[in-house]
């Protein structure tokens, strides 16, 4: 009798734990295993945290992250898959490597900035950080809408 109760309790705990795991992935930035996760566009291993981006798409089982090793891959992927519903976009702050919403970010474009797939773009949480980074690289600082609509 006690064994049956323990098995039942274990099943309930397992279901609660699994339900909690799914909500984290759907509402926040994706989990990336640097050196192991694969870019959804080019198939390369995502290894440089400073340039990793993500597009969250609406899927049958909830929101699904698409991980990219560079801004170029993200743009190419989205232009190929216009049928997808975009829920959110994420990028890493170049200085802190923290995830941030791309819509809130500032971007530096510079030919002197070498990125995994040659976008030459780095993202920053603040405009002042972007401007300080851009100056020695003779880079241009733009907001998300400007960047997305010109590339």
N, C-alpha and C. Protein backbone atom coordinates (compact mmCIF):
# COMPACT_ATOMS: atom_id res chain seq x y z
N UNK A 1 0.82 -1.19 0.00
CA UNK A 1 0.00 0.00 0.00
C UNK A 1 0.87 1.26 0.00
N UNK A 2 1.92 1.32 0.83
CA UNK A 2 2.80 2.48 0.87
C UNK A 2 3.56 2.65 -0.43
N UNK A 3 3.93 1.56 -1.07
CA UNK A 3 4.65 1.62 -2.35
C UNK A 3 3.76 2.26 -3.41
N UNK A 4 2.49 1.91 -3.42
CA UNK A 4 1.56 2.47 -4.40
C UNK A 4 1.44 3.99 -4.19
N UNK A 5 1.36 4.41 -2.95
CA UNK A 5 1.28 5.85 -2.67
C UNK A 5 2.55 6.57 -3.12
N UNK A 6 3.73 5.96 -2.87
CA UNK A 6 4.99 6.57 -3.29
C UNK A 6 5.09 6.69 -4.80
N UNK A 7 4.67 5.64 -5.52
CA UNK A 7 4.71 5.67 -6.98
C UNK A 7 3.78 6.76 -7.50
N UNK A 8 2.58 6.86 -6.93
CA UNK A 8 1.63 7.89 -7.34
C UNK A 8 2.18 9.29 -7.06
N UNK A 9 2.78 9.50 -5.89
CA UNK A 9 3.36 10.78 -5.55
C UNK A 9 4.52 11.11 -6.48
N UNK A 10 5.35 10.14 -6.80
CA UNK A 10 6.47 10.34 -7.72
C UNK A 10 5.99 10.76 -9.09
N UNK A 11 4.90 10.19 -9.56
CA UNK A 11 4.35 10.56 -10.86
C UNK A 11 3.86 11.99 -10.87
N UNK A 12 3.20 12.38 -9.80
CA UNK A 12 2.69 13.75 -9.70
C UNK A 12 3.84 14.74 -9.67
N UNK A 13 4.87 14.46 -8.88
CA UNK A 13 6.04 15.34 -8.82
C UNK A 13 6.70 15.44 -10.19
N UNK A 14 6.82 14.34 -10.89
CA UNK A 14 7.42 14.34 -12.23
C UNK A 14 6.66 15.21 -13.21
N UNK A 15 5.33 15.14 -13.17
CA UNK A 15 4.51 15.96 -14.06
C UNK A 15 4.67 17.44 -13.73
N UNK A 16 4.69 17.79 -12.44
CA UNK A 16 4.86 19.18 -12.03
C UNK A 16 6.22 19.70 -12.47
N UNK A 17 7.27 18.92 -12.29
CA UNK A 17 8.62 19.33 -12.70
C UNK A 17 8.67 19.53 -14.20
N UNK A 18 8.14 18.62 -14.98
CA UNK A 18 8.15 18.76 -16.44
C UNK A 18 7.35 19.97 -16.89
N UNK A 19 6.25 20.24 -16.28
CA UNK A 19 5.44 21.41 -16.65
C UNK A 19 6.22 22.68 -16.38
N UNK A 20 6.95 22.75 -15.29
CA UNK A 20 7.75 23.93 -14.97
C UNK A 20 8.86 24.15 -15.96
N UNK A 21 9.48 23.09 -16.46
CA UNK A 21 10.57 23.23 -17.43
C UNK A 21 10.08 23.84 -18.72
N UNK A 22 8.92 23.46 -19.18
CA UNK A 22 8.41 23.98 -20.43
C UNK A 22 8.12 25.45 -20.39
N UNK A 23 7.65 25.97 -19.27
CA UNK A 23 7.28 27.38 -19.23
C UNK A 23 8.50 28.29 -19.29
N UNK A 24 9.63 27.85 -18.76
CA UNK A 24 10.83 28.67 -18.83
C UNK A 24 11.27 28.88 -20.27
N UNK A 25 11.23 27.86 -21.08
CA UNK A 25 11.67 27.94 -22.46
C UNK A 25 10.74 28.83 -23.27
N UNK A 26 9.45 28.82 -22.98
CA UNK A 26 8.48 29.56 -23.78
C UNK A 26 8.45 31.05 -23.48
N UNK A 27 8.83 31.48 -22.29
CA UNK A 27 8.64 32.86 -21.91
C UNK A 27 9.91 33.70 -21.89
N UNK A 28 11.05 33.11 -21.81
CA UNK A 28 12.29 33.86 -21.68
C UNK A 28 13.25 33.55 -22.81
N UNK A 29 14.48 33.97 -22.65
CA UNK A 29 15.47 33.67 -23.68
C UNK A 29 15.75 32.17 -23.76
N UNK A 30 16.19 31.72 -24.90
CA UNK A 30 16.44 30.29 -25.06
C UNK A 30 17.70 29.85 -24.32
N UNK A 31 17.77 28.57 -24.11
CA UNK A 31 18.97 27.98 -23.53
C UNK A 31 19.88 27.56 -24.69
N UNK A 32 21.12 27.98 -24.63
CA UNK A 32 22.09 27.64 -25.68
C UNK A 32 23.27 26.95 -25.02
N UNK A 33 23.70 25.86 -25.59
CA UNK A 33 24.90 25.17 -25.14
C UNK A 33 26.03 25.56 -26.10
N UNK A 34 26.81 26.58 -25.72
CA UNK A 34 27.87 27.07 -26.58
C UNK A 34 28.90 25.98 -26.81
N UNK A 35 29.27 25.81 -28.05
CA UNK A 35 30.17 24.74 -28.44
C UNK A 35 29.43 23.45 -28.76
N UNK A 36 28.08 23.47 -28.63
CA UNK A 36 27.28 22.27 -28.87
C UNK A 36 26.02 22.58 -29.68
N UNK A 37 25.33 23.70 -29.38
CA UNK A 37 24.11 24.06 -30.12
C UNK A 37 24.46 24.40 -31.57
N UNK A 38 23.52 24.11 -32.46
CA UNK A 38 23.73 24.29 -33.90
C UNK A 38 22.87 25.46 -34.40
N UNK A 39 23.46 26.29 -35.26
CA UNK A 39 22.74 27.40 -35.87
C UNK A 39 21.64 26.86 -36.77
N UNK A 40 20.43 27.39 -36.62
CA UNK A 40 19.27 26.92 -37.38
C UNK A 40 19.38 27.23 -38.87
N UNK A 41 20.23 28.16 -39.26
CA UNK A 41 20.37 28.53 -40.66
C UNK A 41 21.57 27.86 -41.33
N UNK A 42 22.76 28.06 -40.79
CA UNK A 42 23.96 27.59 -41.49
C UNK A 42 24.46 26.23 -41.02
N UNK A 43 23.96 25.76 -39.87
CA UNK A 43 24.36 24.46 -39.37
C UNK A 43 25.69 24.44 -38.62
N UNK A 44 26.31 25.60 -38.45
CA UNK A 44 27.57 25.65 -37.71
C UNK A 44 27.30 25.60 -36.21
N UNK A 45 28.30 25.21 -35.45
CA UNK A 45 28.19 25.19 -34.00
C UNK A 45 28.21 26.62 -33.49
N UNK A 46 27.30 26.95 -32.59
CA UNK A 46 27.24 28.28 -31.99
C UNK A 46 28.28 28.31 -30.87
N UNK A 47 29.35 29.07 -31.09
CA UNK A 47 30.44 29.03 -30.12
C UNK A 47 30.81 30.39 -29.53
N UNK A 48 30.42 31.48 -30.17
CA UNK A 48 30.79 32.80 -29.66
C UNK A 48 29.55 33.50 -29.11
N UNK A 49 29.44 33.47 -27.80
CA UNK A 49 28.27 33.98 -27.10
C UNK A 49 27.97 35.44 -27.45
N UNK A 50 29.00 36.23 -27.74
CA UNK A 50 28.81 37.66 -28.00
C UNK A 50 27.94 37.93 -29.22
N UNK A 51 27.87 36.98 -30.17
CA UNK A 51 27.16 37.23 -31.42
C UNK A 51 25.93 36.34 -31.60
N UNK A 52 25.66 35.46 -30.64
CA UNK A 52 24.51 34.55 -30.75
C UNK A 52 23.20 35.32 -30.69
N UNK A 53 22.25 34.91 -31.52
CA UNK A 53 20.92 35.50 -31.53
C UNK A 53 19.89 34.38 -31.55
N UNK A 54 18.63 34.76 -31.37
CA UNK A 54 17.56 33.77 -31.40
C UNK A 54 16.27 34.41 -31.87
N UNK A 55 15.50 33.66 -32.62
CA UNK A 55 14.15 34.04 -33.00
C UNK A 55 13.22 33.02 -32.36
N UNK A 56 12.23 33.49 -31.64
CA UNK A 56 11.25 32.60 -31.03
C UNK A 56 10.04 32.59 -31.96
N UNK A 57 9.66 31.39 -32.40
CA UNK A 57 8.54 31.26 -33.33
C UNK A 57 7.39 30.53 -32.66
N UNK A 58 6.20 30.80 -33.16
CA UNK A 58 5.01 30.10 -32.69
C UNK A 58 5.00 28.72 -33.33
N UNK A 59 4.80 27.70 -32.52
CA UNK A 59 4.78 26.32 -33.01
C UNK A 59 3.58 25.58 -32.41
N UNK A 60 3.30 24.41 -32.92
CA UNK A 60 2.16 23.62 -32.45
C UNK A 60 2.19 23.34 -30.95
N UNK A 61 3.35 23.09 -30.41
CA UNK A 61 3.48 22.74 -28.99
C UNK A 61 3.92 23.92 -28.13
N UNK A 62 3.73 25.13 -28.60
CA UNK A 62 4.15 26.31 -27.86
C UNK A 62 5.29 27.00 -28.60
N UNK A 63 5.83 28.01 -28.01
CA UNK A 63 6.90 28.77 -28.65
C UNK A 63 8.16 27.94 -28.77
N UNK A 64 8.85 28.11 -29.88
CA UNK A 64 10.04 27.31 -30.17
C UNK A 64 11.20 28.22 -30.57
N UNK A 65 12.35 28.11 -29.89
CA UNK A 65 13.50 28.95 -30.25
C UNK A 65 14.25 28.42 -31.46
N UNK A 66 14.68 29.35 -32.29
CA UNK A 66 15.61 29.06 -33.38
C UNK A 66 16.89 29.82 -33.03
N UNK A 67 17.99 29.11 -32.90
CA UNK A 67 19.24 29.68 -32.44
C UNK A 67 20.14 29.97 -33.64
N UNK A 68 20.87 31.10 -33.60
CA UNK A 68 21.75 31.48 -34.69
C UNK A 68 23.12 31.90 -34.16
N UNK A 69 24.15 31.68 -34.96
CA UNK A 69 25.49 32.05 -34.54
C UNK A 69 25.85 33.48 -34.91
N UNK A 70 24.97 34.16 -35.67
CA UNK A 70 25.27 35.51 -36.13
C UNK A 70 23.97 36.16 -36.62
N UNK A 71 23.94 37.46 -36.58
CA UNK A 71 22.77 38.22 -37.04
C UNK A 71 22.41 37.89 -38.49
N UNK A 72 23.42 37.71 -39.36
CA UNK A 72 23.15 37.36 -40.77
C UNK A 72 22.32 36.10 -40.89
N UNK A 73 22.66 35.08 -40.14
CA UNK A 73 21.92 33.82 -40.21
C UNK A 73 20.47 34.02 -39.79
N UNK A 74 20.26 34.81 -38.77
CA UNK A 74 18.91 35.09 -38.29
C UNK A 74 18.08 35.77 -39.39
N UNK A 75 18.66 36.78 -40.02
CA UNK A 75 17.94 37.50 -41.08
C UNK A 75 17.65 36.61 -42.28
N UNK A 76 18.62 35.81 -42.68
CA UNK A 76 18.43 34.91 -43.82
C UNK A 76 17.33 33.90 -43.51
N UNK A 77 17.38 33.31 -42.31
CA UNK A 77 16.38 32.33 -41.90
C UNK A 77 14.98 32.94 -41.94
N UNK A 78 14.83 34.12 -41.34
CA UNK A 78 13.50 34.74 -41.31
C UNK A 78 13.02 35.14 -42.70
N UNK A 79 13.92 35.56 -43.57
CA UNK A 79 13.49 35.92 -44.93
C UNK A 79 13.07 34.70 -45.73
N UNK A 80 13.64 33.54 -45.43
CA UNK A 80 13.26 32.28 -46.10
C UNK A 80 11.95 31.72 -45.57
N UNK A 81 11.61 32.05 -44.32
CA UNK A 81 10.46 31.44 -43.64
C UNK A 81 9.44 32.50 -43.24
N UNK A 82 8.94 33.22 -44.22
CA UNK A 82 7.98 34.29 -43.95
C UNK A 82 6.64 33.76 -43.44
N UNK A 83 6.41 32.46 -43.59
CA UNK A 83 5.17 31.87 -43.10
C UNK A 83 5.15 31.72 -41.57
N UNK A 84 6.29 31.83 -40.94
CA UNK A 84 6.38 31.66 -39.49
C UNK A 84 5.86 32.90 -38.76
N UNK A 85 5.29 32.66 -37.59
CA UNK A 85 4.87 33.76 -36.72
C UNK A 85 5.99 34.00 -35.72
N UNK A 86 6.56 35.21 -35.78
CA UNK A 86 7.65 35.57 -34.88
C UNK A 86 7.05 36.07 -33.57
N UNK A 87 7.45 35.45 -32.47
CA UNK A 87 6.97 35.82 -31.14
C UNK A 87 7.93 36.82 -30.48
N UNK A 88 9.23 36.61 -30.66
CA UNK A 88 10.23 37.45 -30.02
C UNK A 88 11.57 37.23 -30.70
N UNK A 89 12.49 38.16 -30.47
CA UNK A 89 13.86 38.02 -30.96
C UNK A 89 14.79 38.40 -29.81
N UNK A 90 15.89 37.65 -29.69
CA UNK A 90 16.86 37.87 -28.62
C UNK A 90 18.25 38.00 -29.21
N UNK A 91 19.10 38.76 -28.54
CA UNK A 91 20.53 38.79 -28.86
C UNK A 91 21.30 38.97 -27.56
N UNK A 92 22.60 38.78 -27.65
CA UNK A 92 23.45 38.96 -26.47
C UNK A 92 24.05 40.36 -26.47
N UNK A 93 24.09 40.95 -25.28
CA UNK A 93 24.84 42.18 -25.11
C UNK A 93 26.31 41.84 -25.30
N UNK A 94 26.97 42.54 -26.20
CA UNK A 94 28.36 42.23 -26.55
C UNK A 94 29.29 42.34 -25.35
N UNK A 95 28.98 43.23 -24.43
CA UNK A 95 29.85 43.42 -23.27
C UNK A 95 29.63 42.43 -22.15
N UNK A 96 28.38 42.14 -21.84
CA UNK A 96 28.07 41.29 -20.68
C UNK A 96 27.68 39.86 -21.05
N UNK A 97 27.38 39.62 -22.32
CA UNK A 97 26.88 38.32 -22.80
C UNK A 97 25.51 37.95 -22.26
N UNK A 98 24.80 38.92 -21.68
CA UNK A 98 23.44 38.67 -21.19
C UNK A 98 22.45 38.76 -22.34
N UNK A 99 21.42 37.90 -22.31
CA UNK A 99 20.37 37.97 -23.31
C UNK A 99 19.58 39.27 -23.15
N UNK A 100 19.12 39.83 -24.25
CA UNK A 100 18.25 41.00 -24.23
C UNK A 100 17.32 40.93 -25.44
N UNK A 101 16.18 41.58 -25.31
CA UNK A 101 15.24 41.66 -26.43
C UNK A 101 15.88 42.51 -27.53
N UNK A 102 15.89 42.01 -28.74
CA UNK A 102 16.51 42.74 -29.84
C UNK A 102 15.82 44.08 -30.10
N UNK A 103 14.53 44.15 -29.87
CA UNK A 103 13.80 45.40 -30.12
C UNK A 103 14.31 46.53 -29.23
N UNK A 104 14.91 46.20 -28.08
CA UNK A 104 15.41 47.19 -27.14
C UNK A 104 16.90 47.47 -27.31
N UNK A 105 17.56 46.75 -28.18
CA UNK A 105 19.01 46.80 -28.30
C UNK A 105 19.48 47.90 -29.25
N UNK A 106 20.76 48.22 -29.12
CA UNK A 106 21.47 49.12 -30.04
C UNK A 106 22.54 48.28 -30.72
N UNK A 107 22.79 48.56 -31.98
CA UNK A 107 23.68 47.73 -32.78
C UNK A 107 24.81 48.54 -33.38
N UNK A 108 25.98 47.92 -33.42
CA UNK A 108 27.15 48.53 -34.05
C UNK A 108 27.47 47.73 -35.29
N UNK A 109 27.60 48.42 -36.40
CA UNK A 109 28.03 47.82 -37.66
C UNK A 109 29.39 48.41 -38.00
N UNK A 110 30.37 47.54 -38.25
CA UNK A 110 31.70 48.00 -38.62
C UNK A 110 32.41 46.91 -39.41
N UNK A 111 33.06 47.30 -40.50
CA UNK A 111 33.85 46.35 -41.27
C UNK A 111 35.03 45.81 -40.46
N UNK A 112 35.39 46.50 -39.40
CA UNK A 112 36.50 46.07 -38.55
C UNK A 112 36.07 45.05 -37.49
N UNK A 113 34.77 44.81 -37.39
CA UNK A 113 34.23 43.86 -36.41
C UNK A 113 34.06 42.51 -37.10
N UNK A 114 34.77 41.52 -36.62
CA UNK A 114 34.72 40.19 -37.23
C UNK A 114 33.77 39.29 -36.45
N UNK A 115 32.73 38.82 -37.13
CA UNK A 115 31.69 37.99 -36.52
C UNK A 115 31.67 36.62 -37.20
N UNK A 116 31.02 35.63 -36.59
CA UNK A 116 31.05 34.27 -37.14
C UNK A 116 30.61 34.14 -38.61
N UNK A 117 29.60 34.88 -39.04
CA UNK A 117 29.11 34.75 -40.41
C UNK A 117 29.13 36.09 -41.15
N UNK A 118 30.08 36.94 -40.78
CA UNK A 118 30.39 38.18 -41.49
C UNK A 118 29.27 39.22 -41.51
N UNK A 119 28.45 39.28 -40.48
CA UNK A 119 27.46 40.36 -40.42
C UNK A 119 28.13 41.66 -40.02
N UNK A 120 29.25 41.55 -39.29
CA UNK A 120 29.97 42.71 -38.77
C UNK A 120 29.09 43.53 -37.84
N UNK A 121 28.23 42.85 -37.09
CA UNK A 121 27.25 43.50 -36.21
C UNK A 121 27.38 42.95 -34.79
N UNK A 122 27.40 43.85 -33.83
CA UNK A 122 27.36 43.49 -32.41
C UNK A 122 26.22 44.26 -31.77
N UNK A 123 25.59 43.67 -30.76
CA UNK A 123 24.45 44.32 -30.09
C UNK A 123 24.82 44.72 -28.67
N UNK A 124 24.14 45.79 -28.22
CA UNK A 124 24.40 46.36 -26.90
C UNK A 124 23.08 46.76 -26.25
N UNK A 125 23.04 46.67 -24.93
CA UNK A 125 21.84 47.03 -24.20
C UNK A 125 21.62 48.54 -24.19
N UNK A 126 22.71 49.31 -24.13
CA UNK A 126 22.56 50.76 -24.07
C UNK A 126 23.20 51.44 -25.27
N UNK A 127 22.65 52.57 -25.63
CA UNK A 127 23.20 53.35 -26.75
C UNK A 127 24.60 53.85 -26.41
N UNK A 128 24.82 54.24 -25.17
CA UNK A 128 26.14 54.74 -24.78
C UNK A 128 27.21 53.66 -24.89
N UNK A 129 26.89 52.41 -24.51
CA UNK A 129 27.85 51.31 -24.67
C UNK A 129 28.14 51.07 -26.15
N UNK A 130 27.11 51.12 -26.97
CA UNK A 130 27.29 50.93 -28.41
C UNK A 130 28.17 52.03 -29.00
N UNK A 131 27.93 53.26 -28.60
CA UNK A 131 28.72 54.38 -29.13
C UNK A 131 30.18 54.27 -28.72
N UNK A 132 30.43 53.89 -27.48
CA UNK A 132 31.81 53.74 -27.01
C UNK A 132 32.53 52.62 -27.76
N UNK A 133 31.82 51.54 -28.04
CA UNK A 133 32.41 50.42 -28.77
C UNK A 133 32.66 50.78 -30.23
N UNK A 134 31.73 51.53 -30.83
CA UNK A 134 31.80 51.88 -32.26
C UNK A 134 32.91 52.86 -32.58
N UNK A 135 33.20 53.77 -31.67
CA UNK A 135 34.13 54.86 -31.98
C UNK A 135 35.49 54.39 -32.51
N UNK A 136 36.21 53.53 -31.81
CA UNK A 136 37.53 53.14 -32.34
C UNK A 136 37.44 52.25 -33.59
N UNK A 137 36.26 51.70 -33.86
CA UNK A 137 36.08 50.83 -35.04
C UNK A 137 35.52 51.59 -36.23
N UNK A 138 35.32 52.90 -36.05
CA UNK A 138 34.67 53.71 -37.08
C UNK A 138 33.34 53.07 -37.47
N UNK A 139 32.61 52.63 -36.45
CA UNK A 139 31.35 51.92 -36.68
C UNK A 139 30.14 52.83 -36.64
N UNK A 140 29.04 52.32 -37.13
CA UNK A 140 27.77 53.03 -37.13
C UNK A 140 26.88 52.42 -36.06
N UNK A 141 26.20 53.27 -35.28
CA UNK A 141 25.29 52.82 -34.23
C UNK A 141 23.86 53.03 -34.73
N UNK A 142 23.07 51.95 -34.69
CA UNK A 142 21.68 52.02 -35.14
C UNK A 142 20.77 51.27 -34.18
N UNK A 143 19.48 51.60 -34.19
CA UNK A 143 18.52 50.86 -33.39
C UNK A 143 18.03 49.64 -34.19
N UNK A 144 17.22 48.81 -33.55
CA UNK A 144 16.79 47.56 -34.18
C UNK A 144 16.01 47.79 -35.46
N UNK A 145 15.03 48.68 -35.45
CA UNK A 145 14.21 48.88 -36.64
C UNK A 145 15.04 49.33 -37.83
N UNK A 146 15.97 50.23 -37.61
CA UNK A 146 16.85 50.70 -38.68
C UNK A 146 17.70 49.55 -39.21
N UNK A 147 18.28 48.79 -38.30
CA UNK A 147 19.14 47.67 -38.72
C UNK A 147 18.35 46.63 -39.50
N UNK A 148 17.19 46.23 -38.97
CA UNK A 148 16.40 45.16 -39.59
C UNK A 148 15.91 45.57 -40.98
N UNK A 149 15.57 46.85 -41.15
CA UNK A 149 15.02 47.31 -42.41
C UNK A 149 16.07 47.68 -43.46
N UNK A 150 17.35 47.73 -43.07
CA UNK A 150 18.39 48.06 -44.04
C UNK A 150 19.24 46.86 -44.42
N UNK A 151 19.07 45.74 -43.75
CA UNK A 151 19.87 44.55 -44.08
C UNK A 151 19.05 43.51 -44.80
